[in-house]
Amino acid sequence: MISVTQESCPSVKNILLLDSEGKRVAVKYFSDDWTTNASKLAYEKSVFTKTLKTNARTDAEITLFDGYIVVYKFVHDLHFFVTAGDDENELILASVLNGFCDSVGLLLRGDVEKRTALENLDLVLLCIDEIIDGGIILETDANTIAGKVATNAADGSVPFSEQTISQALATAREHLARSLLK
């Protein structure tokens, strides 16, 4: 039997969505490398400033910054960033970034700009949750991510095959109660 440890799985330190001025739209940190909110804001400002002059509009760009690999892409007035340790695979990180950008694009119906992202912030944050959990990469396919987010956002229910045990028991209890009351 093969033992899979967290160290053997590709991991992400943070995922950032900033506006054209470097301000937060949606961010999530999965590492204790930045312990205070001030250090997180300083990192966001410095990575934004470093990448501002590049042309990452069509393809993802990769840079080494402060000992981290940063993969980034700009779409209209939004700047997407994925940060990982310097020992991670850049191609995997690029697929995470593309999955994030493309799934946000699908959910926002191609209107990927700050105003629309803020109006649908719940969908953007759900995208991040579907892509990465605790720093571990779960999914990179944009259609799958957008499908799961749209399903969860539409009715709030989770498919039975993806429920936790407590969710499954609660669902079963609910169905049993309904059938007894009929």
N, C-alpha and C. Protein backbone atom coordinates (compact mmCIF):
# COMPACT_ATOMS: atom_id res chain seq x y z
N MET A 1 0.84 -1.18 0.00
CA MET A 1 0.00 0.00 0.00
C MET A 1 0.89 1.25 0.00
N ILE A 2 0.51 2.22 -0.80
CA ILE A 2 1.29 3.45 -0.91
C ILE A 2 0.78 4.45 0.11
N SER A 3 1.71 5.05 0.82
CA SER A 3 1.37 6.06 1.82
C SER A 3 1.53 7.44 1.20
N VAL A 4 0.46 8.22 1.23
CA VAL A 4 0.49 9.58 0.69
C VAL A 4 0.51 10.54 1.87
N THR A 5 1.55 11.35 1.91
CA THR A 5 1.65 12.34 2.97
C THR A 5 1.43 13.73 2.39
N GLN A 6 1.19 14.67 3.27
CA GLN A 6 0.96 16.04 2.81
C GLN A 6 2.19 16.60 2.12
N GLU A 7 3.38 16.14 2.53
CA GLU A 7 4.61 16.63 1.92
C GLU A 7 4.75 16.17 0.47
N SER A 8 4.11 15.04 0.11
CA SER A 8 4.25 14.52 -1.25
C SER A 8 3.22 15.11 -2.21
N CYS A 9 2.23 15.81 -1.69
CA CYS A 9 1.20 16.43 -2.52
C CYS A 9 1.61 17.86 -2.86
N PRO A 10 1.36 18.28 -4.09
CA PRO A 10 1.63 19.68 -4.41
C PRO A 10 0.78 20.58 -3.52
N SER A 11 1.38 21.64 -3.02
CA SER A 11 0.62 22.53 -2.14
C SER A 11 0.82 23.99 -2.52
N VAL A 12 -0.11 24.80 -2.05
CA VAL A 12 -0.16 26.22 -2.36
C VAL A 12 -0.09 26.99 -1.06
N LYS A 13 0.64 28.09 -1.05
CA LYS A 13 0.75 28.94 0.15
C LYS A 13 -0.41 29.93 0.24
N ASN A 14 -0.79 30.49 -0.91
CA ASN A 14 -1.94 31.40 -0.93
C ASN A 14 -2.47 31.53 -2.35
N ILE A 15 -3.67 32.04 -2.43
CA ILE A 15 -4.28 32.35 -3.72
C ILE A 15 -4.88 33.74 -3.57
N LEU A 16 -4.54 34.62 -4.49
CA LEU A 16 -4.91 36.03 -4.38
C LEU A 16 -5.66 36.49 -5.61
N LEU A 17 -6.66 37.32 -5.38
CA LEU A 17 -7.35 38.01 -6.45
C LEU A 17 -7.35 39.48 -6.05
N LEU A 18 -6.56 40.28 -6.78
CA LEU A 18 -6.40 41.70 -6.48
C LEU A 18 -6.96 42.52 -7.63
N ASP A 19 -7.31 43.77 -7.32
CA ASP A 19 -7.79 44.65 -8.38
C ASP A 19 -6.61 45.35 -9.06
N SER A 20 -6.90 46.25 -9.99
CA SER A 20 -5.84 46.91 -10.76
C SER A 20 -5.02 47.89 -9.94
N GLU A 21 -5.41 48.14 -8.69
CA GLU A 21 -4.64 49.00 -7.80
C GLU A 21 -3.92 48.21 -6.72
N GLY A 22 -4.04 46.88 -6.77
CA GLY A 22 -3.38 46.03 -5.79
C GLY A 22 -4.18 45.81 -4.52
N LYS A 23 -5.43 46.21 -4.52
CA LYS A 23 -6.30 46.03 -3.36
C LYS A 23 -6.97 44.65 -3.42
N ARG A 24 -7.28 44.10 -2.26
CA ARG A 24 -7.90 42.78 -2.16
C ARG A 24 -9.30 42.75 -2.77
N VAL A 25 -9.55 41.71 -3.53
CA VAL A 25 -10.91 41.37 -3.93
C VAL A 25 -11.29 40.08 -3.20
N ALA A 26 -10.44 39.05 -3.34
CA ALA A 26 -10.62 37.79 -2.60
C ALA A 26 -9.25 37.18 -2.40
N VAL A 27 -8.92 36.83 -1.17
CA VAL A 27 -7.63 36.19 -0.88
C VAL A 27 -7.85 35.07 0.12
N LYS A 28 -6.98 34.08 0.05
CA LYS A 28 -7.02 33.01 1.04
C LYS A 28 -5.59 32.51 1.23
N TYR A 29 -5.18 32.45 2.49
CA TYR A 29 -3.85 31.98 2.85
C TYR A 29 -3.95 30.60 3.46
N PHE A 30 -3.03 29.71 3.08
CA PHE A 30 -3.02 28.34 3.56
C PHE A 30 -1.74 28.02 4.33
N SER A 31 -0.97 29.04 4.67
CA SER A 31 0.33 28.85 5.29
C SER A 31 0.50 29.85 6.41
N ASP A 32 1.35 29.51 7.37
CA ASP A 32 1.66 30.42 8.46
C ASP A 32 2.87 31.29 8.15
N ASP A 33 3.27 31.35 6.89
CA ASP A 33 4.42 32.17 6.51
C ASP A 33 4.15 33.66 6.74
N TRP A 34 2.90 34.04 6.66
CA TRP A 34 2.49 35.41 6.92
C TRP A 34 1.53 35.36 8.11
N THR A 35 2.03 35.72 9.29
CA THR A 35 1.25 35.51 10.51
C THR A 35 0.28 36.63 10.82
N THR A 36 0.60 37.84 10.42
CA THR A 36 -0.28 38.97 10.75
C THR A 36 -0.95 39.50 9.49
N ASN A 37 -2.04 40.21 9.69
CA ASN A 37 -2.73 40.82 8.56
C ASN A 37 -1.83 41.85 7.88
N ALA A 38 -1.02 42.55 8.66
CA ALA A 38 -0.10 43.55 8.09
C ALA A 38 0.93 42.88 7.18
N SER A 39 1.44 41.71 7.59
CA SER A 39 2.42 41.03 6.75
C SER A 39 1.77 40.50 5.47
N LYS A 40 0.52 40.08 5.56
CA LYS A 40 -0.21 39.62 4.37
C LYS A 40 -0.43 40.78 3.40
N LEU A 41 -0.86 41.91 3.93
CA LEU A 41 -1.06 43.09 3.07
C LEU A 41 0.24 43.56 2.45
N ALA A 42 1.34 43.51 3.21
CA ALA A 42 2.64 43.91 2.68
C ALA A 42 3.08 42.97 1.56
N TYR A 43 2.85 41.67 1.74
CA TYR A 43 3.19 40.70 0.70
C TYR A 43 2.37 40.97 -0.56
N GLU A 44 1.06 41.18 -0.39
CA GLU A 44 0.19 41.44 -1.54
C GLU A 44 0.64 42.69 -2.30
N LYS A 45 0.99 43.74 -1.56
CA LYS A 45 1.44 44.98 -2.20
C LYS A 45 2.76 44.77 -2.95
N SER A 46 3.69 44.05 -2.33
CA SER A 46 4.99 43.85 -2.98
C SER A 46 4.90 42.94 -4.20
N VAL A 47 4.10 41.88 -4.12
CA VAL A 47 3.97 41.00 -5.29
C VAL A 47 3.21 41.71 -6.41
N PHE A 48 2.24 42.53 -6.07
CA PHE A 48 1.52 43.32 -7.07
C PHE A 48 2.47 44.29 -7.76
N THR A 49 3.28 45.01 -6.97
CA THR A 49 4.22 45.98 -7.52
C THR A 49 5.25 45.32 -8.42
N LYS A 50 5.74 44.14 -8.01
CA LYS A 50 6.75 43.44 -8.81
C LYS A 50 6.20 42.99 -10.16
N THR A 51 4.93 42.58 -10.18
CA THR A 51 4.36 42.01 -11.41
C THR A 51 3.59 43.03 -12.25
N LEU A 52 3.44 44.23 -11.76
CA LEU A 52 2.60 45.23 -12.43
C LEU A 52 3.06 45.55 -13.85
N LYS A 53 4.34 45.63 -14.08
CA LYS A 53 4.87 46.06 -15.37
C LYS A 53 4.93 44.94 -16.41
N THR A 54 4.56 43.72 -16.01
CA THR A 54 4.62 42.61 -16.97
C THR A 54 3.33 42.54 -17.77
N ASN A 55 3.37 41.77 -18.84
CA ASN A 55 2.21 41.62 -19.70
C ASN A 55 1.69 40.19 -19.59
N ALA A 56 0.94 39.91 -18.53
CA ALA A 56 0.43 38.57 -18.29
C ALA A 56 -1.05 38.50 -18.66
N ARG A 57 -1.40 39.03 -19.80
CA ARG A 57 -2.80 39.07 -20.20
C ARG A 57 -3.25 37.80 -20.92
N THR A 58 -2.39 37.21 -21.71
CA THR A 58 -2.81 36.05 -22.49
C THR A 58 -2.46 34.73 -21.80
N ASP A 59 -1.24 34.61 -21.32
CA ASP A 59 -0.80 33.39 -20.66
C ASP A 59 -0.34 33.70 -19.25
N ALA A 60 -0.29 32.66 -18.45
CA ALA A 60 0.21 32.81 -17.09
C ALA A 60 1.72 33.08 -17.12
N GLU A 61 2.17 33.92 -16.24
CA GLU A 61 3.59 34.21 -16.08
C GLU A 61 4.06 33.60 -14.76
N ILE A 62 5.33 33.26 -14.71
CA ILE A 62 5.90 32.65 -13.51
C ILE A 62 7.11 33.47 -13.08
N THR A 63 7.21 33.73 -11.78
CA THR A 63 8.37 34.44 -11.25
C THR A 63 8.74 33.86 -9.90
N LEU A 64 10.00 34.05 -9.53
CA LEU A 64 10.46 33.68 -8.20
C LEU A 64 10.52 34.97 -7.39
N PHE A 65 9.82 35.01 -6.26
CA PHE A 65 9.70 36.24 -5.49
C PHE A 65 9.81 35.91 -4.01
N ASP A 66 10.81 36.49 -3.33
CA ASP A 66 11.02 36.28 -1.89
C ASP A 66 11.09 34.80 -1.51
N GLY A 67 11.66 33.97 -2.37
CA GLY A 67 11.77 32.55 -2.07
C GLY A 67 10.52 31.75 -2.38
N TYR A 68 9.54 32.35 -3.02
CA TYR A 68 8.30 31.67 -3.40
C TYR A 68 8.15 31.70 -4.91
N ILE A 69 7.50 30.69 -5.45
CA ILE A 69 7.12 30.71 -6.86
C ILE A 69 5.75 31.38 -6.92
N VAL A 70 5.64 32.39 -7.77
CA VAL A 70 4.38 33.09 -7.97
C VAL A 70 3.98 32.94 -9.43
N VAL A 71 2.79 32.39 -9.64
CA VAL A 71 2.23 32.27 -10.98
C VAL A 71 1.06 33.25 -11.03
N TYR A 72 1.00 34.05 -12.09
CA TYR A 72 0.00 35.11 -12.13
C TYR A 72 -0.51 35.36 -13.53
N LYS A 73 -1.68 35.97 -13.57
CA LYS A 73 -2.33 36.29 -14.83
C LYS A 73 -3.26 37.46 -14.60
N PHE A 74 -3.37 38.34 -15.57
CA PHE A 74 -4.24 39.51 -15.48
C PHE A 74 -5.41 39.32 -16.44
N VAL A 75 -6.62 39.56 -15.94
CA VAL A 75 -7.81 39.51 -16.78
C VAL A 75 -8.59 40.80 -16.51
N HIS A 76 -8.69 41.64 -17.53
CA HIS A 76 -9.32 42.96 -17.42
C HIS A 76 -8.69 43.72 -16.24
N ASP A 77 -9.49 44.06 -15.23
CA ASP A 77 -8.94 44.83 -14.11
C ASP A 77 -8.70 43.95 -12.87
N LEU A 78 -8.62 42.64 -13.07
CA LEU A 78 -8.34 41.71 -11.97
C LEU A 78 -6.99 41.03 -12.18
N HIS A 79 -6.27 40.83 -11.09
CA HIS A 79 -4.97 40.18 -11.11
C HIS A 79 -5.06 38.92 -10.26
N PHE A 80 -4.85 37.77 -10.89
CA PHE A 80 -4.93 36.47 -10.23
C PHE A 80 -3.51 36.01 -9.89
N PHE A 81 -3.30 35.54 -8.66
CA PHE A 81 -1.99 35.06 -8.22
C PHE A 81 -2.13 33.74 -7.47
N VAL A 82 -1.17 32.84 -7.70
CA VAL A 82 -1.04 31.62 -6.91
C VAL A 82 0.40 31.56 -6.44
N THR A 83 0.61 31.42 -5.13
CA THR A 83 1.95 31.38 -4.54
C THR A 83 2.19 30.02 -3.93
N ALA A 84 3.41 29.51 -4.13
CA ALA A 84 3.79 28.21 -3.54
C ALA A 84 5.27 28.26 -3.19
N GLY A 85 5.72 27.24 -2.50
CA GLY A 85 7.13 27.13 -2.15
C GLY A 85 7.98 26.98 -3.39
N ASP A 86 9.26 27.27 -3.27
CA ASP A 86 10.15 27.22 -4.44
C ASP A 86 10.44 25.81 -4.92
N ASP A 87 9.96 24.79 -4.21
CA ASP A 87 10.17 23.41 -4.62
C ASP A 87 8.96 22.81 -5.34
N GLU A 88 7.94 23.60 -5.59
CA GLU A 88 6.73 23.10 -6.25
C GLU A 88 6.88 23.16 -7.77
N ASN A 89 6.07 22.37 -8.45
CA ASN A 89 6.08 22.28 -9.90
C ASN A 89 5.30 23.45 -10.51
N GLU A 90 5.97 24.23 -11.36
CA GLU A 90 5.36 25.41 -11.95
C GLU A 90 4.18 25.08 -12.85
N LEU A 91 4.24 23.93 -13.53
CA LEU A 91 3.15 23.56 -14.43
C LEU A 91 1.88 23.24 -13.65
N ILE A 92 2.03 22.60 -12.51
CA ILE A 92 0.87 22.32 -11.66
C ILE A 92 0.29 23.63 -11.15
N LEU A 93 1.15 24.54 -10.72
CA LEU A 93 0.68 25.84 -10.24
C LEU A 93 -0.01 26.63 -11.35
N ALA A 94 0.52 26.53 -12.56
CA ALA A 94 -0.12 27.21 -13.70
C ALA A 94 -1.49 26.61 -13.97
N SER A 95 -1.64 25.31 -13.80
CA SER A 95 -2.96 24.70 -14.02
C SER A 95 -3.94 25.11 -12.92
N VAL A 96 -3.46 25.30 -11.69
CA VAL A 96 -4.31 25.82 -10.61
C VAL A 96 -4.77 27.23 -10.96
N LEU A 97 -3.83 28.07 -11.40
CA LEU A 97 -4.16 29.45 -11.76
C LEU A 97 -5.17 29.49 -12.91
N ASN A 98 -4.92 28.71 -13.95
CA ASN A 98 -5.83 28.69 -15.09
C ASN A 98 -7.21 28.16 -14.70
N GLY A 99 -7.23 27.15 -13.82
CA GLY A 99 -8.51 26.64 -13.33
C GLY A 99 -9.28 27.70 -12.57
N PHE A 100 -8.56 28.48 -11.76
CA PHE A 100 -9.19 29.56 -10.99
C PHE A 100 -9.72 30.64 -11.93
N CYS A 101 -8.87 31.12 -12.83
CA CYS A 101 -9.27 32.19 -13.77
C CYS A 101 -10.46 31.75 -14.63
N ASP A 102 -10.35 30.56 -15.19
CA ASP A 102 -11.39 30.08 -16.12
C ASP A 102 -12.70 29.79 -15.40
N SER A 103 -12.64 29.22 -14.20
CA SER A 103 -13.89 28.93 -13.48
C SER A 103 -14.57 30.23 -13.05
N VAL A 104 -13.80 31.21 -12.62
CA VAL A 104 -14.38 32.53 -12.30
C VAL A 104 -15.01 33.12 -13.56
N GLY A 105 -14.33 33.00 -14.69
CA GLY A 105 -14.87 33.48 -15.96
C GLY A 105 -16.18 32.80 -16.33
N LEU A 106 -16.25 31.48 -16.13
CA LEU A 106 -17.49 30.76 -16.42
C LEU A 106 -18.62 31.20 -15.49
N LEU A 107 -18.33 31.32 -14.21
CA LEU A 107 -19.37 31.68 -13.24
C LEU A 107 -19.84 33.12 -13.40
N LEU A 108 -18.94 33.99 -13.84
CA LEU A 108 -19.31 35.40 -14.05
C LEU A 108 -19.76 35.66 -15.48
N ARG A 109 -19.93 34.59 -16.23
CA ARG A 109 -20.42 34.63 -17.62
C ARG A 109 -19.55 35.52 -18.50
N GLY A 110 -18.24 35.40 -18.34
CA GLY A 110 -17.30 36.14 -19.16
C GLY A 110 -17.07 37.59 -18.76
N ASP A 111 -17.83 38.07 -17.79
CA ASP A 111 -17.71 39.46 -17.33
C ASP A 111 -16.75 39.50 -16.14
N VAL A 112 -15.47 39.23 -16.42
CA VAL A 112 -14.47 39.14 -15.35
C VAL A 112 -13.88 40.52 -15.11
N GLU A 113 -14.52 41.25 -14.21
CA GLU A 113 -14.02 42.54 -13.78
C GLU A 113 -14.36 42.73 -12.31
N LYS A 114 -13.74 43.72 -11.70
CA LYS A 114 -13.83 43.91 -10.25
C LYS A 114 -15.28 44.03 -9.77
N ARG A 115 -16.05 44.84 -10.41
CA ARG A 115 -17.43 45.08 -9.98
C ARG A 115 -18.23 43.78 -9.95
N THR A 116 -18.14 43.01 -11.01
CA THR A 116 -18.88 41.75 -11.09
C THR A 116 -18.35 40.74 -10.08
N ALA A 117 -17.03 40.71 -9.90
CA ALA A 117 -16.44 39.79 -8.93
C ALA A 117 -16.91 40.12 -7.51
N LEU A 118 -16.98 41.40 -7.18
CA LEU A 118 -17.45 41.79 -5.85
C LEU A 118 -18.94 41.48 -5.66
N GLU A 119 -19.73 41.66 -6.72
CA GLU A 119 -21.16 41.34 -6.64
C GLU A 119 -21.38 39.84 -6.45
N ASN A 120 -20.45 39.03 -6.94
CA ASN A 120 -20.55 37.57 -6.85
C ASN A 120 -19.41 37.00 -6.03
N LEU A 121 -19.03 37.71 -4.97
CA LEU A 121 -17.90 37.30 -4.15
C LEU A 121 -18.09 35.91 -3.57
N ASP A 122 -19.31 35.54 -3.25
CA ASP A 122 -19.56 34.20 -2.72
C ASP A 122 -19.14 33.12 -3.71
N LEU A 123 -19.40 33.33 -4.99
CA LEU A 123 -19.01 32.36 -6.01
C LEU A 123 -17.50 32.29 -6.16
N VAL A 124 -16.84 33.44 -6.10
CA VAL A 124 -15.38 33.49 -6.21
C VAL A 124 -14.73 32.74 -5.04
N LEU A 125 -15.24 32.98 -3.83
CA LEU A 125 -14.68 32.31 -2.66
C LEU A 125 -14.97 30.80 -2.68
N LEU A 126 -16.14 30.41 -3.18
CA LEU A 126 -16.43 28.99 -3.33
C LEU A 126 -15.50 28.34 -4.35
N CYS A 127 -15.14 29.08 -5.39
CA CYS A 127 -14.16 28.57 -6.37
C CYS A 127 -12.84 28.24 -5.68
N ILE A 128 -12.38 29.16 -4.86
CA ILE A 128 -11.12 28.94 -4.15
C ILE A 128 -11.24 27.70 -3.27
N ASP A 129 -12.37 27.56 -2.58
CA ASP A 129 -12.58 26.40 -1.71
C ASP A 129 -12.64 25.09 -2.49
N GLU A 130 -13.17 25.12 -3.70
CA GLU A 130 -13.24 23.90 -4.52
C GLU A 130 -11.88 23.53 -5.11
N ILE A 131 -11.03 24.53 -5.32
CA ILE A 131 -9.71 24.29 -5.92
C ILE A 131 -8.71 23.81 -4.88
N ILE A 132 -8.69 24.45 -3.72
CA ILE A 132 -7.66 24.19 -2.72
C ILE A 132 -8.32 24.03 -1.35
N ASP A 133 -7.86 23.03 -0.60
CA ASP A 133 -8.32 22.84 0.77
C ASP A 133 -7.11 22.66 1.67
N GLY A 134 -6.90 23.61 2.56
CA GLY A 134 -5.77 23.52 3.47
C GLY A 134 -4.42 23.57 2.77
N GLY A 135 -4.38 24.16 1.59
CA GLY A 135 -3.14 24.24 0.83
C GLY A 135 -2.96 23.12 -0.17
N ILE A 136 -3.76 22.06 -0.05
CA ILE A 136 -3.66 20.92 -0.96
C ILE A 136 -4.57 21.16 -2.16
N ILE A 137 -4.03 20.91 -3.35
CA ILE A 137 -4.77 21.12 -4.59
C ILE A 137 -5.77 19.99 -4.77
N LEU A 138 -7.05 20.34 -4.92
CA LEU A 138 -8.10 19.35 -5.10
C LEU A 138 -8.53 19.20 -6.55
N GLU A 139 -8.68 20.31 -7.24
CA GLU A 139 -9.24 20.30 -8.59
C GLU A 139 -8.66 21.45 -9.40
N THR A 140 -8.42 21.20 -10.69
CA THR A 140 -7.92 22.27 -11.56
C THR A 140 -8.76 22.45 -12.82
N ASP A 141 -9.73 21.58 -13.04
CA ASP A 141 -10.57 21.69 -14.24
C ASP A 141 -11.66 22.74 -14.02
N ALA A 142 -11.65 23.77 -14.85
CA ALA A 142 -12.56 24.90 -14.67
C ALA A 142 -14.02 24.49 -14.76
N ASN A 143 -14.36 23.61 -15.68
CA ASN A 143 -15.76 23.18 -15.83
C ASN A 143 -16.25 22.43 -14.60
N THR A 144 -15.41 21.58 -14.04
CA THR A 144 -15.78 20.84 -12.84
C THR A 144 -15.95 21.78 -11.66
N ILE A 145 -15.01 22.71 -11.50
CA ILE A 145 -15.06 23.68 -10.40
C ILE A 145 -16.33 24.53 -10.52
N ALA A 146 -16.56 25.09 -11.69
CA ALA A 146 -17.74 25.94 -11.90
C ALA A 146 -19.02 25.14 -11.70
N GLY A 147 -19.04 23.89 -12.13
CA GLY A 147 -20.22 23.05 -11.95
C GLY A 147 -20.53 22.81 -10.48
N LYS A 148 -19.49 22.50 -9.70
CA LYS A 148 -19.70 22.27 -8.27
C LYS A 148 -20.15 23.55 -7.56
N VAL A 149 -19.53 24.67 -7.91
CA VAL A 149 -19.90 25.94 -7.29
C VAL A 149 -21.32 26.32 -7.67
N ALA A 150 -21.68 26.18 -8.94
CA ALA A 150 -23.03 26.53 -9.39
C ALA A 150 -24.06 25.64 -8.73
N THR A 151 -23.77 24.37 -8.58
CA THR A 151 -24.70 23.44 -7.92
C THR A 151 -24.89 23.82 -6.47
N ASN A 152 -23.80 24.09 -5.77
CA ASN A 152 -23.90 24.47 -4.35
C ASN A 152 -24.58 25.82 -4.17
N ALA A 153 -24.33 26.74 -5.08
CA ALA A 153 -24.92 28.07 -4.95
C ALA A 153 -26.41 28.06 -5.31
N ALA A 154 -26.81 27.18 -6.22
CA ALA A 154 -28.18 27.16 -6.69
C ALA A 154 -29.16 26.65 -5.64
N ASP A 155 -28.85 25.51 -5.02
CA ASP A 155 -29.82 24.96 -4.08
C ASP A 155 -29.26 24.71 -2.69
N GLY A 156 -27.98 24.94 -2.50
CA GLY A 156 -27.39 24.77 -1.19
C GLY A 156 -27.21 23.32 -0.79
N SER A 157 -27.64 22.38 -1.64
CA SER A 157 -27.47 20.97 -1.30
C SER A 157 -26.25 20.41 -2.01
N VAL A 158 -25.69 19.39 -1.39
CA VAL A 158 -24.50 18.75 -1.91
C VAL A 158 -24.91 17.38 -2.43
N PRO A 159 -24.41 16.93 -3.60
CA PRO A 159 -24.75 15.59 -4.07
C PRO A 159 -24.42 14.55 -2.99
N PHE A 160 -25.27 13.53 -2.90
CA PHE A 160 -25.13 12.54 -1.83
C PHE A 160 -23.74 11.91 -1.81
N SER A 161 -23.14 11.70 -2.98
CA SER A 161 -21.82 11.07 -3.05
C SER A 161 -20.71 11.95 -2.50
N GLU A 162 -20.95 13.26 -2.38
CA GLU A 162 -19.93 14.18 -1.91
C GLU A 162 -20.21 14.70 -0.50
N GLN A 163 -21.21 14.15 0.18
CA GLN A 163 -21.55 14.60 1.51
C GLN A 163 -20.64 13.97 2.55
N THR A 164 -20.43 14.67 3.65
CA THR A 164 -19.73 14.08 4.77
C THR A 164 -20.70 13.14 5.48
N ILE A 165 -20.19 12.34 6.39
CA ILE A 165 -21.05 11.38 7.09
C ILE A 165 -22.16 12.11 7.85
N SER A 166 -21.82 13.20 8.53
CA SER A 166 -22.84 13.93 9.28
C SER A 166 -23.88 14.54 8.35
N GLN A 167 -23.44 15.03 7.18
CA GLN A 167 -24.40 15.58 6.22
C GLN A 167 -25.30 14.47 5.68
N ALA A 168 -24.72 13.30 5.41
CA ALA A 168 -25.50 12.17 4.90
C ALA A 168 -26.52 11.71 5.92
N LEU A 169 -26.12 11.63 7.20
CA LEU A 169 -27.06 11.24 8.25
C LEU A 169 -28.18 12.26 8.40
N ALA A 170 -27.84 13.54 8.33
CA ALA A 170 -28.87 14.57 8.43
C ALA A 170 -29.83 14.49 7.26
N THR A 171 -29.32 14.23 6.06
CA THR A 171 -30.17 14.08 4.89
C THR A 171 -31.08 12.88 5.04
N ALA A 172 -30.52 11.76 5.49
CA ALA A 172 -31.32 10.54 5.68
C ALA A 172 -32.39 10.78 6.74
N ARG A 173 -32.05 11.44 7.84
CA ARG A 173 -33.01 11.75 8.89
C ARG A 173 -34.15 12.62 8.35
N GLU A 174 -33.78 13.59 7.53
CA GLU A 174 -34.77 14.49 6.94
C GLU A 174 -35.72 13.73 6.02
N HIS A 175 -35.19 12.83 5.18
CA HIS A 175 -36.02 12.04 4.27
C HIS A 175 -36.93 11.10 5.05
N LEU A 176 -36.40 10.50 6.12
CA LEU A 176 -37.19 9.60 6.96
C LEU A 176 -38.34 10.37 7.63
N ALA A 177 -38.03 11.54 8.15
CA ALA A 177 -39.06 12.35 8.80
C ALA A 177 -40.14 12.74 7.81
N ARG A 178 -39.76 13.10 6.59
CA ARG A 178 -40.75 13.44 5.56
C ARG A 178 -41.63 12.25 5.21
N SER A 179 -41.01 11.08 5.08
CA SER A 179 -41.80 9.90 4.70
C SER A 179 -42.73 9.48 5.83
N LEU A 180 -42.36 9.68 7.09
CA LEU A 180 -43.22 9.33 8.21
C LEU A 180 -44.39 10.31 8.35
N LEU A 181 -44.18 11.55 7.98
CA LEU A 181 -45.22 12.57 8.10
C LEU A 181 -46.25 12.50 6.98
N LYS A 182 -45.96 11.79 5.90
CA LYS A 182 -46.90 11.71 4.76
C LYS A 182 -48.05 10.81 5.05
